[in-house]
N, C-alpha and C. Protein backbone atom coordinates (compact mmCIF):
# COMPACT_ATOMS: atom_id res chain seq x y z
N UNK A 1 -10.19 -1.50 1.22
CA UNK A 1 -11.00 -1.97 2.33
C UNK A 1 -11.05 -3.51 2.37
N UNK A 2 -11.24 -4.12 1.23
CA UNK A 2 -11.27 -5.63 1.16
C UNK A 2 -10.00 -6.23 1.68
N UNK A 3 -8.87 -5.60 1.33
CA UNK A 3 -7.57 -6.07 1.78
C UNK A 3 -7.55 -6.10 3.32
N UNK A 4 -8.01 -5.01 3.92
CA UNK A 4 -7.93 -4.93 5.39
C UNK A 4 -8.98 -5.83 6.05
N UNK A 5 -10.09 -6.05 5.38
CA UNK A 5 -11.10 -7.02 5.92
C UNK A 5 -10.49 -8.43 5.91
N UNK A 6 -9.76 -8.76 4.82
CA UNK A 6 -9.15 -10.05 4.74
C UNK A 6 -8.06 -10.22 5.82
N UNK A 7 -7.21 -9.19 5.95
CA UNK A 7 -6.17 -9.26 6.98
C UNK A 7 -6.81 -9.38 8.37
N UNK A 8 -7.88 -8.67 8.62
CA UNK A 8 -8.57 -8.73 9.90
C UNK A 8 -9.06 -10.14 10.19
N UNK A 9 -9.62 -10.79 9.22
CA UNK A 9 -10.11 -12.21 9.38
C UNK A 9 -8.94 -13.14 9.61
N UNK A 10 -7.79 -12.91 9.01
CA UNK A 10 -6.66 -13.80 9.13
C UNK A 10 -5.53 -13.15 9.97
N UNK A 11 -5.95 -12.40 10.99
CA UNK A 11 -5.00 -11.58 11.76
C UNK A 11 -3.91 -12.43 12.44
N UNK A 12 -4.25 -13.61 12.95
CA UNK A 12 -3.24 -14.46 13.61
C UNK A 12 -2.15 -14.83 12.61
N UNK A 13 -2.52 -15.23 11.44
CA UNK A 13 -1.51 -15.57 10.43
C UNK A 13 -0.64 -14.38 10.07
N UNK A 14 -1.30 -13.22 9.83
CA UNK A 14 -0.52 -12.03 9.40
C UNK A 14 0.34 -11.53 10.57
N UNK A 15 -0.12 -11.61 11.80
CA UNK A 15 0.71 -11.17 12.92
C UNK A 15 1.98 -11.99 12.99
N UNK A 16 1.90 -13.28 12.79
CA UNK A 16 3.08 -14.14 12.78
C UNK A 16 3.95 -13.84 11.57
N UNK A 17 3.33 -13.75 10.43
CA UNK A 17 4.08 -13.60 9.18
C UNK A 17 4.81 -12.24 9.08
N UNK A 18 4.21 -11.21 9.65
CA UNK A 18 4.87 -9.88 9.55
C UNK A 18 5.90 -9.63 10.63
N UNK A 19 6.10 -10.58 11.52
CA UNK A 19 7.13 -10.42 12.59
C UNK A 19 8.53 -10.47 11.95
N UNK A 20 8.69 -11.10 10.86
CA UNK A 20 10.00 -11.26 10.22
C UNK A 20 10.31 -10.06 9.31
N UNK A 21 11.57 -9.63 9.37
CA UNK A 21 12.03 -8.54 8.50
C UNK A 21 13.06 -9.02 7.49
N UNK A 22 13.22 -10.34 7.36
CA UNK A 22 14.24 -10.87 6.44
C UNK A 22 13.96 -10.46 5.04
N UNK A 23 14.95 -10.59 4.17
CA UNK A 23 14.84 -10.18 2.76
C UNK A 23 13.66 -10.90 2.05
N UNK A 24 13.44 -12.16 2.42
CA UNK A 24 12.35 -12.89 1.82
C UNK A 24 11.05 -12.87 2.65
N UNK A 25 10.92 -11.89 3.48
CA UNK A 25 9.79 -11.80 4.42
C UNK A 25 8.51 -11.38 3.71
N UNK A 26 7.43 -11.53 4.40
CA UNK A 26 6.13 -11.09 3.88
C UNK A 26 6.11 -9.59 3.63
N UNK A 27 6.83 -8.85 4.50
CA UNK A 27 6.89 -7.38 4.32
C UNK A 27 7.50 -7.05 2.93
N UNK A 28 8.61 -7.72 2.64
CA UNK A 28 9.28 -7.46 1.36
C UNK A 28 8.45 -7.89 0.20
N UNK A 29 7.81 -9.05 0.34
CA UNK A 29 6.91 -9.57 -0.71
C UNK A 29 5.73 -8.63 -0.95
N UNK A 30 5.13 -8.18 0.15
CA UNK A 30 4.04 -7.23 0.07
C UNK A 30 4.46 -5.94 -0.63
N UNK A 31 5.64 -5.45 -0.26
CA UNK A 31 6.16 -4.24 -0.88
C UNK A 31 6.28 -4.40 -2.38
N UNK A 32 6.89 -5.52 -2.79
CA UNK A 32 7.05 -5.73 -4.22
C UNK A 32 5.71 -5.82 -4.92
N UNK A 33 4.76 -6.50 -4.32
CA UNK A 33 3.41 -6.63 -4.93
C UNK A 33 2.71 -5.30 -5.06
N UNK A 34 2.75 -4.50 -3.98
CA UNK A 34 2.08 -3.20 -4.00
C UNK A 34 2.73 -2.26 -4.99
N UNK A 35 4.03 -2.19 -4.99
CA UNK A 35 4.76 -1.31 -5.89
C UNK A 35 4.48 -1.74 -7.35
N UNK A 36 4.48 -3.04 -7.62
CA UNK A 36 4.18 -3.57 -8.94
C UNK A 36 2.78 -3.21 -9.37
N UNK A 37 1.83 -3.35 -8.43
CA UNK A 37 0.44 -3.02 -8.74
C UNK A 37 0.33 -1.56 -9.21
N UNK A 38 0.94 -0.67 -8.47
CA UNK A 38 0.86 0.75 -8.80
C UNK A 38 1.62 1.09 -10.10
N UNK A 39 2.81 0.54 -10.26
CA UNK A 39 3.58 0.81 -11.51
C UNK A 39 2.89 0.23 -12.71
N UNK A 40 2.27 -0.93 -12.58
CA UNK A 40 1.53 -1.52 -13.68
C UNK A 40 0.30 -0.67 -14.05
N UNK A 41 -0.40 -0.18 -12.99
CA UNK A 41 -1.57 0.65 -13.17
C UNK A 41 -1.19 1.92 -13.95
N UNK A 42 -0.09 2.54 -13.52
CA UNK A 42 0.38 3.76 -14.19
C UNK A 42 0.78 3.46 -15.62
N UNK A 43 1.45 2.34 -15.80
CA UNK A 43 1.87 1.93 -17.14
C UNK A 43 0.70 1.70 -18.10
N UNK A 44 -0.34 1.03 -17.57
CA UNK A 44 -1.54 0.82 -18.38
C UNK A 44 -2.25 2.12 -18.76
N UNK A 45 -2.32 3.02 -17.77
CA UNK A 45 -3.05 4.27 -17.99
C UNK A 45 -2.29 5.28 -18.85
N UNK A 46 -0.92 5.25 -18.75
CA UNK A 46 -0.13 6.28 -19.44
C UNK A 46 0.60 5.70 -20.68
N UNK A 47 0.75 4.37 -20.73
CA UNK A 47 1.54 3.78 -21.81
C UNK A 47 3.03 3.82 -21.57
N UNK A 48 3.42 4.21 -20.37
CA UNK A 48 4.87 4.19 -20.03
C UNK A 48 5.05 3.97 -18.54
N UNK A 49 6.23 3.59 -18.15
CA UNK A 49 6.52 3.38 -16.75
C UNK A 49 6.69 4.76 -16.06
N UNK A 50 6.41 4.80 -14.77
CA UNK A 50 6.51 6.10 -14.05
C UNK A 50 7.92 6.57 -14.03
N UNK A 51 8.10 7.88 -14.10
CA UNK A 51 9.43 8.49 -14.01
C UNK A 51 9.80 8.62 -12.52
N UNK A 52 11.03 8.98 -12.29
CA UNK A 52 11.58 9.08 -10.94
C UNK A 52 10.82 10.00 -10.02
N UNK A 53 10.29 11.08 -10.59
CA UNK A 53 9.52 12.05 -9.74
C UNK A 53 8.22 11.45 -9.22
N UNK A 54 7.75 10.39 -9.83
CA UNK A 54 6.59 9.62 -9.33
C UNK A 54 7.05 8.39 -8.61
N UNK A 55 8.03 7.68 -9.16
CA UNK A 55 8.48 6.42 -8.61
C UNK A 55 9.05 6.55 -7.24
N UNK A 56 9.85 7.58 -6.95
CA UNK A 56 10.46 7.74 -5.64
C UNK A 56 9.38 7.92 -4.57
N UNK A 57 8.44 8.85 -4.69
CA UNK A 57 7.41 9.01 -3.65
C UNK A 57 6.49 7.80 -3.59
N UNK A 58 6.30 7.10 -4.70
CA UNK A 58 5.49 5.92 -4.69
C UNK A 58 6.17 4.79 -3.90
N UNK A 59 7.47 4.65 -4.07
CA UNK A 59 8.21 3.64 -3.32
C UNK A 59 8.19 3.96 -1.82
N UNK A 60 8.39 5.21 -1.50
CA UNK A 60 8.33 5.68 -0.12
C UNK A 60 6.94 5.38 0.46
N UNK A 61 5.91 5.69 -0.25
CA UNK A 61 4.55 5.43 0.17
C UNK A 61 4.27 3.96 0.40
N UNK A 62 4.76 3.10 -0.49
CA UNK A 62 4.52 1.65 -0.40
C UNK A 62 5.20 1.11 0.88
N UNK A 63 6.41 1.57 1.15
CA UNK A 63 7.09 1.12 2.38
C UNK A 63 6.31 1.57 3.61
N UNK A 64 5.89 2.83 3.62
CA UNK A 64 5.16 3.33 4.75
C UNK A 64 3.83 2.68 4.93
N UNK A 65 3.14 2.38 3.86
CA UNK A 65 1.83 1.75 3.95
C UNK A 65 1.92 0.36 4.58
N UNK A 66 3.00 -0.34 4.26
CA UNK A 66 3.20 -1.65 4.85
C UNK A 66 3.44 -1.53 6.35
N UNK A 67 4.27 -0.59 6.74
CA UNK A 67 4.52 -0.39 8.17
C UNK A 67 3.26 -0.03 8.94
N UNK A 68 2.42 0.82 8.33
CA UNK A 68 1.16 1.18 9.00
C UNK A 68 0.20 0.01 9.04
N UNK A 69 0.24 -0.87 8.03
CA UNK A 69 -0.59 -2.10 8.03
C UNK A 69 -0.13 -3.02 9.14
N UNK A 70 1.18 -3.20 9.28
CA UNK A 70 1.71 -4.05 10.36
C UNK A 70 1.32 -3.48 11.72
N UNK A 71 1.45 -2.16 11.88
CA UNK A 71 1.03 -1.54 13.14
C UNK A 71 -0.40 -1.82 13.41
N UNK A 72 -1.25 -1.71 12.40
CA UNK A 72 -2.69 -1.97 12.57
C UNK A 72 -2.96 -3.42 12.95
N UNK A 73 -2.23 -4.34 12.38
CA UNK A 73 -2.43 -5.74 12.69
C UNK A 73 -2.31 -6.01 14.19
N UNK A 74 -1.36 -5.31 14.81
CA UNK A 74 -1.15 -5.52 16.25
C UNK A 74 -2.00 -4.64 17.13
N UNK A 75 -2.78 -3.72 16.56
CA UNK A 75 -3.73 -2.91 17.29
C UNK A 75 -4.99 -2.69 16.46
N UNK A 76 -5.66 -3.79 16.01
CA UNK A 76 -6.77 -3.66 15.05
C UNK A 76 -8.00 -2.94 15.57
N UNK A 77 -8.19 -2.79 16.86
CA UNK A 77 -9.40 -2.19 17.35
C UNK A 77 -9.36 -0.66 17.27
N UNK A 78 -8.19 -0.13 16.99
CA UNK A 78 -8.07 1.31 16.89
C UNK A 78 -8.73 1.87 15.63
N UNK A 79 -8.74 1.07 14.52
CA UNK A 79 -9.30 1.54 13.28
C UNK A 79 -9.99 0.38 12.55
N UNK A 80 -11.06 0.71 11.86
CA UNK A 80 -11.76 -0.30 11.08
C UNK A 80 -11.05 -0.47 9.71
N UNK A 81 -11.29 -1.55 9.02
CA UNK A 81 -10.73 -1.68 7.67
C UNK A 81 -11.06 -0.47 6.79
N UNK A 82 -12.24 0.04 6.85
CA UNK A 82 -12.63 1.20 6.03
C UNK A 82 -11.79 2.42 6.42
N UNK A 83 -11.58 2.60 7.70
CA UNK A 83 -10.74 3.73 8.15
C UNK A 83 -9.30 3.62 7.70
N UNK A 84 -8.76 2.39 7.79
CA UNK A 84 -7.41 2.18 7.29
C UNK A 84 -7.26 2.48 5.83
N UNK A 85 -8.18 2.01 5.04
CA UNK A 85 -8.16 2.20 3.60
C UNK A 85 -8.23 3.75 3.29
N UNK A 86 -9.12 4.42 3.98
CA UNK A 86 -9.28 5.84 3.75
C UNK A 86 -8.04 6.61 4.16
N UNK A 87 -7.46 6.23 5.27
CA UNK A 87 -6.24 6.90 5.75
C UNK A 87 -5.07 6.71 4.79
N UNK A 88 -4.93 5.49 4.29
CA UNK A 88 -3.85 5.25 3.32
C UNK A 88 -4.04 5.97 1.99
N UNK A 89 -5.26 6.08 1.57
CA UNK A 89 -5.51 6.88 0.34
C UNK A 89 -5.20 8.33 0.59
N UNK A 90 -5.55 8.86 1.76
CA UNK A 90 -5.28 10.24 2.08
C UNK A 90 -3.80 10.51 2.25
N UNK A 91 -3.01 9.47 2.51
CA UNK A 91 -1.57 9.64 2.71
C UNK A 91 -0.76 9.52 1.46
N UNK A 92 -1.40 9.28 0.29
CA UNK A 92 -0.64 9.23 -0.95
C UNK A 92 0.13 10.53 -1.14
N UNK A 93 1.38 10.43 -1.58
CA UNK A 93 2.12 11.65 -1.79
C UNK A 93 1.46 12.51 -2.91
N UNK A 94 1.63 13.81 -2.77
CA UNK A 94 0.94 14.76 -3.70
C UNK A 94 1.23 14.43 -5.14
N UNK A 95 2.49 14.20 -5.60
CA UNK A 95 2.68 13.94 -7.01
C UNK A 95 1.89 12.68 -7.47
N UNK A 96 1.78 11.69 -6.63
CA UNK A 96 1.08 10.46 -7.00
C UNK A 96 -0.44 10.75 -6.99
N UNK A 97 -0.89 11.48 -5.98
CA UNK A 97 -2.32 11.85 -5.94
C UNK A 97 -2.69 12.63 -7.21
N UNK A 98 -1.91 13.63 -7.55
CA UNK A 98 -2.21 14.43 -8.74
C UNK A 98 -2.23 13.58 -10.01
N UNK A 99 -1.26 12.65 -10.14
CA UNK A 99 -1.22 11.78 -11.32
C UNK A 99 -2.49 10.88 -11.32
N UNK A 100 -2.80 10.30 -10.21
CA UNK A 100 -4.00 9.41 -10.15
C UNK A 100 -5.29 10.19 -10.40
N UNK A 101 -5.34 11.42 -10.01
CA UNK A 101 -6.51 12.24 -10.32
C UNK A 101 -6.58 12.49 -11.82
N UNK A 102 -5.46 12.81 -12.43
CA UNK A 102 -5.42 13.05 -13.89
C UNK A 102 -5.83 11.80 -14.65
N UNK A 103 -5.41 10.63 -14.14
CA UNK A 103 -5.73 9.36 -14.81
C UNK A 103 -7.07 8.80 -14.51
N UNK A 104 -7.80 9.46 -13.63
CA UNK A 104 -9.13 8.99 -13.24
C UNK A 104 -9.15 7.85 -12.28
N UNK A 105 -8.01 7.61 -11.59
CA UNK A 105 -7.93 6.55 -10.61
C UNK A 105 -8.52 7.03 -9.28
N UNK A 106 -8.34 8.31 -8.94
CA UNK A 106 -8.93 8.93 -7.76
C UNK A 106 -9.86 10.02 -8.20
N UNK A 107 -10.87 10.23 -7.39
CA UNK A 107 -11.83 11.32 -7.70
C UNK A 107 -11.52 12.53 -6.89
């Protein structure tokens, strides 16, 4: 929710920054940060890096969550930051959701 509140406050900046799809774009940087956040979290909680059965759906989710964030930036009145956060949590792939529940990351 805090991430979406921040993006909402700085919407003009993010709207401009997310227009680019270049390799060094904000989209790509955001993807790398989000994926790294989740893989580091899993690594800390399990003592090992995620296996392909978790990593593949996690990568897919991270790409999709960025696209949905960009879509929201250009139509922010449709959903509140709280709604966006809740929707993205509910969209976690089942293998990732199950792992996060086992690790106590999700309730």
